[in-house]
């Protein structure tokens, strides 16, 4: 059995509210440290923050895959209006590619019609 705290996750960086600093993590304990940081813009009883923290704990206990805990962290960061790298960059690239495909299809439909 592996020590889940040492299993790496895809590295993540999140912009903190001061917008000058990013916090990065590549392990579940690292994610927990960011979530529990005084700089995290936590609202009282924030369900996405609670879910992310609980997911990290479940992952450390071997009850949840580390990738699922990372996904919960990303959701909490987005709910807190924090930029998440590299996830937001990939999301933007996907949107741009999708909109380019839509334009090409529309152009082809107009030319055919």
PDB file of N, CA and C in Angstrom:
ATOM      1  N   UNK A   1       0.841  -1.181   0.000  1.00  0.00           N
ATOM      2  CA  UNK A   1       0.000   0.000   0.000  1.00  0.00           C
ATOM      3  C   UNK A   1       0.886   1.245   0.000  1.00  0.00           C
ATOM      4  N   UNK A   2       0.523   2.217  -0.816  1.00  0.00           N
ATOM      5  CA  UNK A   2       1.292   3.451  -0.922  1.00  0.00           C
ATOM      6  C   UNK A   2       0.846   4.470   0.112  1.00  0.00           C
ATOM      7  N   UNK A   3       1.763   5.301   0.502  1.00  0.00           N
ATOM      8  CA  UNK A   3       1.429   6.440   1.348  1.00  0.00           C
ATOM      9  C   UNK A   3       0.850   7.503   0.427  1.00  0.00           C
ATOM     10  N   UNK A   4      -0.468   7.735   0.524  1.00  0.00           N
ATOM     11  CA  UNK A   4      -1.157   8.647  -0.386  1.00  0.00           C
ATOM     12  C   UNK A   4      -0.579  10.053  -0.313  1.00  0.00           C
ATOM     13  N   UNK A   5      -0.045  10.438   0.821  1.00  0.00           N
ATOM     14  CA  UNK A   5       0.492  11.800   0.946  1.00  0.00           C
ATOM     15  C   UNK A   5       1.715  12.004   0.070  1.00  0.00           C
ATOM     16  N   UNK A   6       2.344  10.908  -0.382  1.00  0.00           N
ATOM     17  CA  UNK A   6       3.511  11.054  -1.241  1.00  0.00           C
ATOM     18  C   UNK A   6       3.184  10.817  -2.713  1.00  0.00           C
ATOM     19  N   UNK A   7       1.956  10.387  -3.024  1.00  0.00           N
ATOM     20  CA  UNK A   7       1.568  10.193  -4.415  1.00  0.00           C
ATOM     21  C   UNK A   7       1.366  11.564  -5.038  1.00  0.00           C
ATOM     22  N   UNK A   8       2.107  11.848  -6.102  1.00  0.00           N
ATOM     23  CA  UNK A   8       1.986  13.182  -6.695  1.00  0.00           C
ATOM     24  C   UNK A   8       0.675  13.353  -7.454  1.00  0.00           C
ATOM     25  N   UNK A   9       0.212  14.573  -7.510  1.00  0.00           N
ATOM     26  CA  UNK A   9      -0.925  14.956  -8.353  1.00  0.00           C
ATOM     27  C   UNK A   9      -0.364  15.899  -9.412  1.00  0.00           C
ATOM     28  N   UNK A  10      -1.124  16.127 -10.466  1.00  0.00           N
ATOM     29  CA  UNK A  10      -0.681  17.090 -11.460  1.00  0.00           C
ATOM     30  C   UNK A  10      -0.553  18.448 -10.775  1.00  0.00           C
ATOM     31  N   UNK A  11       0.614  19.056 -10.893  1.00  0.00           N
ATOM     32  CA  UNK A  11       0.868  20.308 -10.181  1.00  0.00           C
ATOM     33  C   UNK A  11      -0.186  21.355 -10.527  1.00  0.00           C
ATOM     34  N   UNK A  12      -0.519  22.126  -9.545  1.00  0.00           N
ATOM     35  CA  UNK A  12      -1.540  23.159  -9.678  1.00  0.00           C
ATOM     36  C   UNK A  12      -1.039  24.422  -9.006  1.00  0.00           C
ATOM     37  N   UNK A  13      -1.375  25.539  -9.584  1.00  0.00           N
ATOM     38  CA  UNK A  13      -1.059  26.834  -8.976  1.00  0.00           C
ATOM     39  C   UNK A  13      -2.335  27.657  -8.965  1.00  0.00           C
ATOM     40  N   UNK A  14      -2.556  28.360  -7.900  1.00  0.00           N
ATOM     41  CA  UNK A  14      -3.770  29.165  -7.766  1.00  0.00           C
ATOM     42  C   UNK A  14      -3.367  30.576  -7.372  1.00  0.00           C
ATOM     43  N   UNK A  15      -4.019  31.549  -8.032  1.00  0.00           N
ATOM     44  CA  UNK A  15      -3.726  32.942  -7.702  1.00  0.00           C
ATOM     45  C   UNK A  15      -4.435  33.289  -6.403  1.00  0.00           C
ATOM     46  N   UNK A  16      -3.718  33.928  -5.530  1.00  0.00           N
ATOM     47  CA  UNK A  16      -4.313  34.339  -4.259  1.00  0.00           C
ATOM     48  C   UNK A  16      -4.924  35.724  -4.430  1.00  0.00           C
ATOM     49  N   UNK A  17      -5.798  36.135  -3.527  1.00  0.00           N
ATOM     50  CA  UNK A  17      -6.538  37.384  -3.714  1.00  0.00           C
ATOM     51  C   UNK A  17      -5.685  38.622  -3.985  1.00  0.00           C
ATOM     52  N   UNK A  18      -4.459  38.660  -3.499  1.00  0.00           N
ATOM     53  CA  UNK A  18      -3.645  39.848  -3.749  1.00  0.00           C
ATOM     54  C   UNK A  18      -3.160  39.911  -5.195  1.00  0.00           C
ATOM     55  N   UNK A  19      -3.402  38.831  -5.968  1.00  0.00           N
ATOM     56  CA  UNK A  19      -3.075  38.749  -7.399  1.00  0.00           C
ATOM     57  C   UNK A  19      -1.579  38.848  -7.689  1.00  0.00           C
ATOM     58  N   UNK A  20      -0.769  38.998  -6.674  1.00  0.00           N
ATOM     59  CA  UNK A  20       0.671  39.059  -6.872  1.00  0.00           C
ATOM     60  C   UNK A  20       1.330  37.721  -6.595  1.00  0.00           C
ATOM     61  N   UNK A  21       0.627  36.855  -5.906  1.00  0.00           N
ATOM     62  CA  UNK A  21       1.221  35.592  -5.488  1.00  0.00           C
ATOM     63  C   UNK A  21       0.392  34.415  -5.969  1.00  0.00           C
ATOM     64  N   UNK A  22       1.097  33.382  -6.337  1.00  0.00           N
ATOM     65  CA  UNK A  22       0.474  32.105  -6.646  1.00  0.00           C
ATOM     66  C   UNK A  22       0.937  31.119  -5.591  1.00  0.00           C
ATOM     67  N   UNK A  23       0.043  30.237  -5.209  1.00  0.00           N
ATOM     68  CA  UNK A  23       0.408  29.142  -4.319  1.00  0.00           C
ATOM     69  C   UNK A  23       0.364  27.880  -5.168  1.00  0.00           C
ATOM     70  N   UNK A  24       1.377  27.061  -5.064  1.00  0.00           N
ATOM     71  CA  UNK A  24       1.460  25.847  -5.875  1.00  0.00           C
ATOM     72  C   UNK A  24       1.481  24.616  -4.989  1.00  0.00           C
ATOM     73  N   UNK A  25       0.949  23.522  -5.544  1.00  0.00           N
ATOM     74  CA  UNK A  25       0.948  22.249  -4.815  1.00  0.00           C
ATOM     75  C   UNK A  25       1.069  21.112  -5.814  1.00  0.00           C
ATOM     76  N   UNK A  26       1.715  20.052  -5.370  1.00  0.00           N
ATOM     77  CA  UNK A  26       1.818  18.849  -6.198  1.00  0.00           C
ATOM     78  C   UNK A  26       1.483  17.597  -5.386  1.00  0.00           C
ATOM     79  N   UNK A  27       0.945  17.806  -4.175  1.00  0.00           N
ATOM     80  CA  UNK A  27       0.500  16.701  -3.317  1.00  0.00           C
ATOM     81  C   UNK A  27      -0.809  17.099  -2.646  1.00  0.00           C
ATOM     82  N   UNK A  28      -1.494  16.124  -2.111  1.00  0.00           N
ATOM     83  CA  UNK A  28      -2.746  16.399  -1.386  1.00  0.00           C
ATOM     84  C   UNK A  28      -2.489  17.263  -0.149  1.00  0.00           C
ATOM     85  N   UNK A  29      -1.476  16.970   0.667  1.00  0.00           N
ATOM     86  CA  UNK A  29      -1.213  17.882   1.795  1.00  0.00           C
ATOM     87  C   UNK A  29      -0.927  19.317   1.339  1.00  0.00           C
ATOM     88  N   UNK A  30      -0.317  19.459   0.176  1.00  0.00           N
ATOM     89  CA  UNK A  30      -0.082  20.799  -0.367  1.00  0.00           C
ATOM     90  C   UNK A  30      -1.386  21.508  -0.675  1.00  0.00           C
ATOM     91  N   UNK A  31      -2.344  20.780  -1.255  1.00  0.00           N
ATOM     92  CA  UNK A  31      -3.664  21.365  -1.524  1.00  0.00           C
ATOM     93  C   UNK A  31      -4.335  21.796  -0.221  1.00  0.00           C
ATOM     94  N   UNK A  32      -4.221  20.942   0.789  1.00  0.00           N
ATOM     95  CA  UNK A  32      -4.832  21.265   2.079  1.00  0.00           C
ATOM     96  C   UNK A  32      -4.204  22.521   2.682  1.00  0.00           C
ATOM     97  N   UNK A  33      -2.906  22.647   2.530  1.00  0.00           N
ATOM     98  CA  UNK A  33      -2.224  23.825   3.044  1.00  0.00           C
ATOM     99  C   UNK A  33      -2.737  25.102   2.393  1.00  0.00           C
ATOM    100  N   UNK A  34      -2.977  25.048   1.091  1.00  0.00           N
ATOM    101  CA  UNK A  34      -3.512  26.224   0.391  1.00  0.00           C
ATOM    102  C   UNK A  34      -4.932  26.511   0.860  1.00  0.00           C
ATOM    103  N   UNK A  35      -5.747  25.459   0.937  1.00  0.00           N
ATOM    104  CA  UNK A  35      -7.138  25.644   1.377  1.00  0.00           C
ATOM    105  C   UNK A  35      -7.225  26.242   2.780  1.00  0.00           C
ATOM    106  N   UNK A  36      -6.310  25.864   3.647  1.00  0.00           N
ATOM    107  CA  UNK A  36      -6.360  26.318   5.029  1.00  0.00           C
ATOM    108  C   UNK A  36      -5.558  27.595   5.270  1.00  0.00           C
ATOM    109  N   UNK A  37      -4.949  28.107   4.220  1.00  0.00           N
ATOM    110  CA  UNK A  37      -4.159  29.325   4.333  1.00  0.00           C
ATOM    111  C   UNK A  37      -5.042  30.517   4.703  1.00  0.00           C
ATOM    112  N   UNK A  38      -4.465  31.442   5.424  1.00  0.00           N
ATOM    113  CA  UNK A  38      -5.194  32.671   5.782  1.00  0.00           C
ATOM    114  C   UNK A  38      -5.512  33.508   4.553  1.00  0.00           C
ATOM    115  N   UNK A  39      -4.761  33.300   3.464  1.00  0.00           N
ATOM    116  CA  UNK A  39      -4.993  34.082   2.249  1.00  0.00           C
ATOM    117  C   UNK A  39      -6.138  33.550   1.391  1.00  0.00           C
ATOM    118  N   UNK A  40      -6.589  32.314   1.671  1.00  0.00           N
ATOM    119  CA  UNK A  40      -7.714  31.766   0.886  1.00  0.00           C
ATOM    120  C   UNK A  40      -8.959  32.578   1.207  1.00  0.00           C
ATOM    121  N   UNK A  41      -9.679  33.082   0.199  1.00  0.00           N
ATOM    122  CA  UNK A  41     -10.861  33.929   0.436  1.00  0.00           C
ATOM    123  C   UNK A  41     -12.086  33.108   0.834  1.00  0.00           C
ATOM    124  N   UNK A  42     -12.051  32.565   1.994  1.00  0.00           N
ATOM    125  CA  UNK A  42     -13.084  31.655   2.480  1.00  0.00           C
ATOM    126  C   UNK A  42     -14.277  32.425   3.028  1.00  0.00           C
ATOM    127  N   UNK A  43     -15.442  31.992   2.593  1.00  0.00           N
ATOM    128  CA  UNK A  43     -16.691  32.528   3.137  1.00  0.00           C
ATOM    129  C   UNK A  43     -17.178  31.573   4.221  1.00  0.00           C
ATOM    130  N   UNK A  44     -17.883  32.089   5.190  1.00  0.00           N
ATOM    131  CA  UNK A  44     -18.433  31.258   6.254  1.00  0.00           C
ATOM    132  C   UNK A  44     -19.352  30.191   5.650  1.00  0.00           C
ATOM    133  N   UNK A  45     -19.149  28.954   6.021  1.00  0.00           N
ATOM    134  CA  UNK A  45     -19.952  27.819   5.559  1.00  0.00           C
ATOM    135  C   UNK A  45     -19.912  27.620   4.047  1.00  0.00           C
ATOM    136  N   UNK A  46     -18.807  27.935   3.412  1.00  0.00           N
ATOM    137  CA  UNK A  46     -18.651  27.759   1.964  1.00  0.00           C
ATOM    138  C   UNK A  46     -18.654  26.262   1.638  1.00  0.00           C
ATOM    139  N   UNK A  47     -19.692  25.772   0.942  1.00  0.00           N
ATOM    140  CA  UNK A  47     -19.784  24.332   0.687  1.00  0.00           C
ATOM    141  C   UNK A  47     -18.698  23.802  -0.254  1.00  0.00           C
ATOM    142  N   UNK A  48     -18.260  24.593  -1.228  1.00  0.00           N
ATOM    143  CA  UNK A  48     -17.227  24.088  -2.142  1.00  0.00           C
ATOM    144  C   UNK A  48     -15.885  23.983  -1.422  1.00  0.00           C
ATOM    145  N   UNK A  49     -15.601  24.913  -0.535  1.00  0.00           N
ATOM    146  CA  UNK A  49     -14.367  24.849   0.247  1.00  0.00           C
ATOM    147  C   UNK A  49     -14.410  23.635   1.169  1.00  0.00           C
ATOM    148  N   UNK A  50     -15.538  23.441   1.844  1.00  0.00           N
ATOM    149  CA  UNK A  50     -15.683  22.295   2.755  1.00  0.00           C
ATOM    150  C   UNK A  50     -15.532  20.977   1.994  1.00  0.00           C
ATOM    151  N   UNK A  51     -16.151  20.916   0.814  1.00  0.00           N
ATOM    152  CA  UNK A  51     -16.061  19.689   0.012  1.00  0.00           C
ATOM    153  C   UNK A  51     -14.618  19.434  -0.421  1.00  0.00           C
ATOM    154  N   UNK A  52     -13.919  20.480  -0.820  1.00  0.00           N
ATOM    155  CA  UNK A  52     -12.520  20.324  -1.241  1.00  0.00           C
ATOM    156  C   UNK A  52     -11.658  19.830  -0.082  1.00  0.00           C
ATOM    157  N   UNK A  53     -11.831  20.416   1.077  1.00  0.00           N
ATOM    158  CA  UNK A  53     -11.054  19.998   2.248  1.00  0.00           C
ATOM    159  C   UNK A  53     -11.390  18.551   2.634  1.00  0.00           C
ATOM    160  N   UNK A  54     -12.680  18.223   2.643  1.00  0.00           N
ATOM    161  CA  UNK A  54     -13.099  16.851   2.965  1.00  0.00           C
ATOM    162  C   UNK A  54     -12.556  15.874   1.929  1.00  0.00           C
ATOM    163  N   UNK A  55     -12.562  16.265   0.663  1.00  0.00           N
ATOM    164  CA  UNK A  55     -12.041  15.394  -0.395  1.00  0.00           C
ATOM    165  C   UNK A  55     -10.551  15.119  -0.194  1.00  0.00           C
ATOM    166  N   UNK A  56      -9.832  16.136   0.209  1.00  0.00           N
ATOM    167  CA  UNK A  56      -8.403  15.943   0.496  1.00  0.00           C
ATOM    168  C   UNK A  56      -8.217  14.970   1.657  1.00  0.00           C
ATOM    169  N   UNK A  57      -9.002  15.123   2.688  1.00  0.00           N
ATOM    170  CA  UNK A  57      -8.911  14.209   3.839  1.00  0.00           C
ATOM    171  C   UNK A  57      -9.262  12.786   3.432  1.00  0.00           C
ATOM    172  N   UNK A  58     -10.325  12.629   2.646  1.00  0.00           N
ATOM    173  CA  UNK A  58     -10.717  11.295   2.180  1.00  0.00           C
ATOM    174  C   UNK A  58      -9.610  10.677   1.337  1.00  0.00           C
ATOM    175  N   UNK A  59      -8.973  11.518   0.531  1.00  0.00           N
ATOM    176  CA  UNK A  59      -7.878  11.031  -0.304  1.00  0.00           C
ATOM    177  C   UNK A  59      -6.707  10.552   0.555  1.00  0.00           C
ATOM    178  N   UNK A  60      -6.379  11.311   1.579  1.00  0.00           N
ATOM    179  CA  UNK A  60      -5.293  10.902   2.479  1.00  0.00           C
ATOM    180  C   UNK A  60      -5.607   9.598   3.197  1.00  0.00           C
ATOM    181  N   UNK A  61      -6.898   9.353   3.424  1.00  0.00           N
ATOM    182  CA  UNK A  61      -7.316   8.112   4.086  1.00  0.00           C
ATOM    183  C   UNK A  61      -7.463   6.955   3.102  1.00  0.00           C
ATOM    184  N   UNK A  62      -7.226   7.223   1.818  1.00  0.00           N
ATOM    185  CA  UNK A  62      -7.336   6.180   0.807  1.00  0.00           C
ATOM    186  C   UNK A  62      -8.749   5.911   0.350  1.00  0.00           C
ATOM    187  N   UNK A  63      -9.687   6.777   0.702  1.00  0.00           N
ATOM    188  CA  UNK A  63     -11.090   6.580   0.341  1.00  0.00           C
ATOM    189  C   UNK A  63     -11.483   7.303  -0.942  1.00  0.00           C
ATOM    190  N   UNK A  64     -10.585   8.108  -1.491  1.00  0.00           N
ATOM    191  CA  UNK A  64     -10.882   8.878  -2.695  1.00  0.00           C
ATOM    192  C   UNK A  64      -9.606   9.012  -3.507  1.00  0.00           C
ATOM    193  N   UNK A  65      -9.729   8.900  -4.806  1.00  0.00           N
ATOM    194  CA  UNK A  65      -8.568   9.062  -5.675  1.00  0.00           C
ATOM    195  C   UNK A  65      -8.009  10.477  -5.563  1.00  0.00           C
ATOM    196  N   UNK A  66      -6.697  10.639  -5.558  1.00  0.00           N
ATOM    197  CA  UNK A  66      -6.101  11.974  -5.485  1.00  0.00           C
ATOM    198  C   UNK A  66      -6.571  12.907  -6.603  1.00  0.00           C
ATOM    199  N   UNK A  67      -6.835  12.356  -7.780  1.00  0.00           N
ATOM    200  CA  UNK A  67      -7.313  13.207  -8.878  1.00  0.00           C
ATOM    201  C   UNK A  67      -8.682  13.803  -8.568  1.00  0.00           C
ATOM    202  N   UNK A  68      -9.505  13.073  -7.832  1.00  0.00           N
ATOM    203  CA  UNK A  68     -10.833  13.591  -7.453  1.00  0.00           C
ATOM    204  C   UNK A  68     -10.693  14.717  -6.427  1.00  0.00           C
ATOM    205  N   UNK A  69      -9.751  14.572  -5.509  1.00  0.00           N
ATOM    206  CA  UNK A  69      -9.498  15.638  -4.530  1.00  0.00           C
ATOM    207  C   UNK A  69      -8.997  16.882  -5.250  1.00  0.00           C
ATOM    208  N   UNK A  70      -8.135  16.685  -6.239  1.00  0.00           N
ATOM    209  CA  UNK A  70      -7.627  17.814  -7.022  1.00  0.00           C
ATOM    210  C   UNK A  70      -8.777  18.506  -7.743  1.00  0.00           C
ATOM    211  N   UNK A  71      -9.699  17.730  -8.315  1.00  0.00           N
ATOM    212  CA  UNK A  71     -10.854  18.314  -8.998  1.00  0.00           C
ATOM    213  C   UNK A  71     -11.715  19.132  -8.031  1.00  0.00           C
ATOM    214  N   UNK A  72     -11.901  18.638  -6.822  1.00  0.00           N
ATOM    215  CA  UNK A  72     -12.681  19.373  -5.817  1.00  0.00           C
ATOM    216  C   UNK A  72     -11.973  20.678  -5.458  1.00  0.00           C
ATOM    217  N   UNK A  73     -10.645  20.632  -5.383  1.00  0.00           N
ATOM    218  CA  UNK A  73      -9.864  21.839  -5.109  1.00  0.00           C
ATOM    219  C   UNK A  73     -10.056  22.860  -6.222  1.00  0.00           C
ATOM    220  N   UNK A  74      -9.993  22.410  -7.470  1.00  0.00           N
ATOM    221  CA  UNK A  74     -10.178  23.310  -8.612  1.00  0.00           C
ATOM    222  C   UNK A  74     -11.565  23.953  -8.553  1.00  0.00           C
ATOM    223  N   UNK A  75     -12.575  23.179  -8.235  1.00  0.00           N
ATOM    224  CA  UNK A  75     -13.943  23.718  -8.121  1.00  0.00           C
ATOM    225  C   UNK A  75     -14.022  24.777  -7.037  1.00  0.00           C
ATOM    226  N   UNK A  76     -13.392  24.517  -5.900  1.00  0.00           N
ATOM    227  CA  UNK A  76     -13.406  25.489  -4.802  1.00  0.00           C
ATOM    228  C   UNK A  76     -12.671  26.764  -5.203  1.00  0.00           C
ATOM    229  N   UNK A  77     -11.560  26.621  -5.893  1.00  0.00           N
ATOM    230  CA  UNK A  77     -10.796  27.794  -6.329  1.00  0.00           C
ATOM    231  C   UNK A  77     -11.612  28.629  -7.305  1.00  0.00           C
ATOM    232  N   UNK A  78     -12.264  27.972  -8.245  1.00  0.00           N
ATOM    233  CA  UNK A  78     -13.096  28.715  -9.208  1.00  0.00           C
ATOM    234  C   UNK A  78     -14.274  29.385  -8.513  1.00  0.00           C
ATOM    235  N   UNK A  79     -14.868  28.710  -7.540  1.00  0.00           N
ATOM    236  CA  UNK A  79     -15.977  29.314  -6.792  1.00  0.00           C
ATOM    237  C   UNK A  79     -15.507  30.538  -6.016  1.00  0.00           C
ATOM    238  N   UNK A  80     -14.234  30.542  -5.624  1.00  0.00           N
ATOM    239  CA  UNK A  80     -13.656  31.678  -4.901  1.00  0.00           C
ATOM    240  C   UNK A  80     -13.088  32.730  -5.858  1.00  0.00           C
ATOM    241  N   UNK A  81     -13.316  32.520  -7.175  1.00  0.00           N
ATOM    242  CA  UNK A  81     -12.855  33.463  -8.211  1.00  0.00           C
ATOM    243  C   UNK A  81     -11.341  33.580  -8.262  1.00  0.00           C
ATOM    244  N   UNK A  82     -10.672  32.446  -8.075  1.00  0.00           N
ATOM    245  CA  UNK A  82      -9.221  32.402  -8.162  1.00  0.00           C
ATOM    246  C   UNK A  82      -8.826  31.770  -9.495  1.00  0.00           C
ATOM    247  N   UNK A  83      -7.761  32.264 -10.075  1.00  0.00           N
ATOM    248  CA  UNK A  83      -7.252  31.691 -11.307  1.00  0.00           C
ATOM    249  C   UNK A  83      -6.519  30.407 -10.964  1.00  0.00           C
ATOM    250  N   UNK A  84      -6.763  29.360 -11.749  1.00  0.00           N
ATOM    251  CA  UNK A  84      -6.179  28.053 -11.511  1.00  0.00           C
ATOM    252  C   UNK A  84      -5.336  27.669 -12.729  1.00  0.00           C
ATOM    253  N   UNK A  85      -4.052  27.464 -12.494  1.00  0.00           N
ATOM    254  CA  UNK A  85      -3.157  27.061 -13.581  1.00  0.00           C
ATOM    255  C   UNK A  85      -2.682  25.635 -13.349  1.00  0.00           C
ATOM    256  N   UNK A  86      -2.597  24.807 -14.313  1.00  0.00           N
ATOM    257  CA  UNK A  86      -2.786  25.042 -15.737  1.00  0.00           C
ATOM    258  C   UNK A  86      -4.217  24.841 -16.202  1.00  0.00           C
ATOM    259  N   UNK A  87      -5.128  24.506 -15.318  1.00  0.00           N
ATOM    260  CA  UNK A  87      -6.495  24.149 -15.692  1.00  0.00           C
ATOM    261  C   UNK A  87      -7.224  25.246 -16.468  1.00  0.00           C
ATOM    262  N   UNK A  88      -7.126  26.493 -16.020  1.00  0.00           N
ATOM    263  CA  UNK A  88      -7.828  27.571 -16.717  1.00  0.00           C
ATOM    264  C   UNK A  88      -7.247  27.819 -18.103  1.00  0.00           C
ATOM    265  N   UNK A  89      -5.948  27.623 -18.265  1.00  0.00           N
ATOM    266  CA  UNK A  89      -5.341  27.776 -19.588  1.00  0.00           C
ATOM    267  C   UNK A  89      -5.857  26.707 -20.538  1.00  0.00           C
ATOM    268  N   UNK A  90      -5.963  25.477 -20.056  1.00  0.00           N
ATOM    269  CA  UNK A  90      -6.472  24.386 -20.889  1.00  0.00           C
ATOM    270  C   UNK A  90      -7.935  24.624 -21.239  1.00  0.00           C
ATOM    271  N   UNK A  91      -8.682  25.122 -20.293  1.00  0.00           N
ATOM    272  CA  UNK A  91     -10.096  25.414 -20.509  1.00  0.00           C
ATOM    273  C   UNK A  91     -10.259  26.492 -21.582  1.00  0.00           C
ATOM    274  N   UNK A  92      -9.433  27.540 -21.515  1.00  0.00           N
ATOM    275  CA  UNK A  92      -9.483  28.616 -22.490  1.00  0.00           C
ATOM    276  C   UNK A  92      -9.102  28.100 -23.881  1.00  0.00           C
ATOM    277  N   UNK A  93      -8.033  27.313 -23.961  1.00  0.00           N
ATOM    278  CA  UNK A  93      -7.626  26.754 -25.256  1.00  0.00           C
ATOM    279  C   UNK A  93      -8.731  25.895 -25.851  1.00  0.00           C
ATOM    280  N   UNK A  94      -9.420  25.139 -25.019  1.00  0.00           N
ATOM    281  CA  UNK A  94     -10.511  24.289 -25.489  1.00  0.00           C
ATOM    282  C   UNK A  94     -11.655  25.141 -26.031  1.00  0.00           C
ATOM    283  N   UNK A  95     -11.984  26.231 -25.341  1.00  0.00           N
ATOM    284  CA  UNK A  95     -13.050  27.127 -25.805  1.00  0.00           C
ATOM    285  C   UNK A  95     -12.690  27.770 -27.134  1.00  0.00           C
ATOM    286  N   UNK A  96     -11.454  28.222 -27.256  1.00  0.00           N
ATOM    287  CA  UNK A  96     -11.008  28.864 -28.497  1.00  0.00           C
ATOM    288  C   UNK A  96     -11.082  27.868 -29.646  1.00  0.00           C
ATOM    289  N   UNK A  97     -10.603  26.657 -29.436  1.00  0.00           N
ATOM    290  CA  UNK A  97     -10.645  25.636 -30.478  1.00  0.00           C
ATOM    291  C   UNK A  97     -12.083  25.317 -30.864  1.00  0.00           C
ATOM    292  N   UNK A  98     -12.959  25.239 -29.878  1.00  0.00           N
ATOM    293  CA  UNK A  98     -14.366  24.950 -30.131  1.00  0.00           C
ATOM    294  C   UNK A  98     -15.014  26.071 -30.939  1.00  0.00           C
ATOM    295  N   UNK A  99     -14.743  27.319 -30.579  1.00  0.00           N
ATOM    296  CA  UNK A  99     -15.346  28.437 -31.307  1.00  0.00           C
ATOM    297  C   UNK A  99     -14.800  28.507 -32.730  1.00  0.00           C
ATOM    298  N   UNK A 100     -13.535  28.153 -32.931  1.00  0.00           N
ATOM    299  CA  UNK A 100     -12.971  28.120 -34.291  1.00  0.00           C
ATOM    300  C   UNK A 100     -13.662  27.059 -35.133  1.00  0.00           C
ATOM    301  N   UNK A 101     -13.950  25.903 -34.537  1.00  0.00           N
ATOM    302  CA  UNK A 101     -14.656  24.853 -35.266  1.00  0.00           C
ATOM    303  C   UNK A 101     -16.057  25.313 -35.643  1.00  0.00           C
ATOM    304  N   UNK A 102     -16.745  26.004 -34.704  1.00  0.00           N
ATOM    305  CA  UNK A 102     -18.083  26.495 -34.982  1.00  0.00           C
ATOM    306  C   UNK A 102     -18.072  27.496 -36.132  1.00  0.00           C
ATOM    307  N   UNK A 103     -17.108  28.386 -36.170  1.00  0.00           N
ATOM    308  CA  UNK A 103     -17.003  29.373 -37.242  1.00  0.00           C
ATOM    309  C   UNK A 103     -16.761  28.670 -38.573  1.00  0.00           C
ATOM    310  N   UNK A 104     -15.891  27.676 -38.577  1.00  0.00           N
ATOM    311  CA  UNK A 104     -15.602  26.947 -39.808  1.00  0.00           C
ATOM    312  C   UNK A 104     -16.844  26.225 -40.320  1.00  0.00           C
ATOM    313  N   UNK A 105     -17.618  25.628 -39.424  1.00  0.00           N
ATOM    314  CA  UNK A 105     -18.842  24.929 -39.815  1.00  0.00           C
ATOM    315  C   UNK A 105     -19.853  25.924 -40.358  1.00  0.00           C
ATOM    316  N   UNK A 106     -20.021  27.059 -39.692  1.00  0.00           N
ATOM    317  CA  UNK A 106     -20.965  28.081 -40.170  1.00  0.00           C
ATOM    318  C   UNK A 106     -20.563  28.598 -41.549  1.00  0.00           C
ATOM    319  N   UNK A 107     -19.262  28.857 -41.706  1.00  0.00           N
ATOM    320  CA  UNK A 107     -18.759  29.360 -42.987  1.00  0.00           C
ATOM    321  C   UNK A 107     -19.037  28.335 -44.091  1.00  0.00           C
ATOM    322  N   UNK A 108     -18.782  27.058 -43.794  1.00  0.00           N
ATOM    323  CA  UNK A 108     -19.007  26.015 -44.776  1.00  0.00           C
ATOM    324  C   UNK A 108     -20.489  25.903 -45.110  1.00  0.00           C
ATOM    325  N   UNK A 109     -21.351  26.034 -44.081  1.00  0.00           N
ATOM    326  CA  UNK A 109     -22.809  25.964 -44.315  1.00  0.00           C
ATOM    327  C   UNK A 109     -23.269  27.141 -45.175  1.00  0.00           C
ATOM    328  N   UNK A 110     -22.723  28.330 -44.930  1.00  0.00           N
ATOM    329  CA  UNK A 110     -23.101  29.501 -45.720  1.00  0.00           C
ATOM    330  C   UNK A 110     -22.645  29.363 -47.167  1.00  0.00           C
ATOM    331  N   UNK A 111     -21.446  28.850 -47.350  1.00  0.00           N
ATOM    332  CA  UNK A 111     -20.908  28.691 -48.714  1.00  0.00           C
ATOM    333  C   UNK A 111     -21.685  27.608 -49.471  1.00  0.00           C
ATOM    334  N   UNK A 112     -22.151  26.582 -48.771  1.00  0.00           N
ATOM    335  CA  UNK A 112     -22.887  25.488 -49.413  1.00  0.00           C
ATOM    336  C   UNK A 112     -24.328  25.879 -49.677  1.00  0.00           C
ATOM    337  N   UNK A 113     -24.860  26.762 -48.851  1.00  0.00           N
ATOM    338  CA  UNK A 113     -26.277  27.106 -48.897  1.00  0.00           C
ATOM    339  C   UNK A 113     -26.618  28.146 -49.841  1.00  0.00           C
TER     340      UNK A 113
END
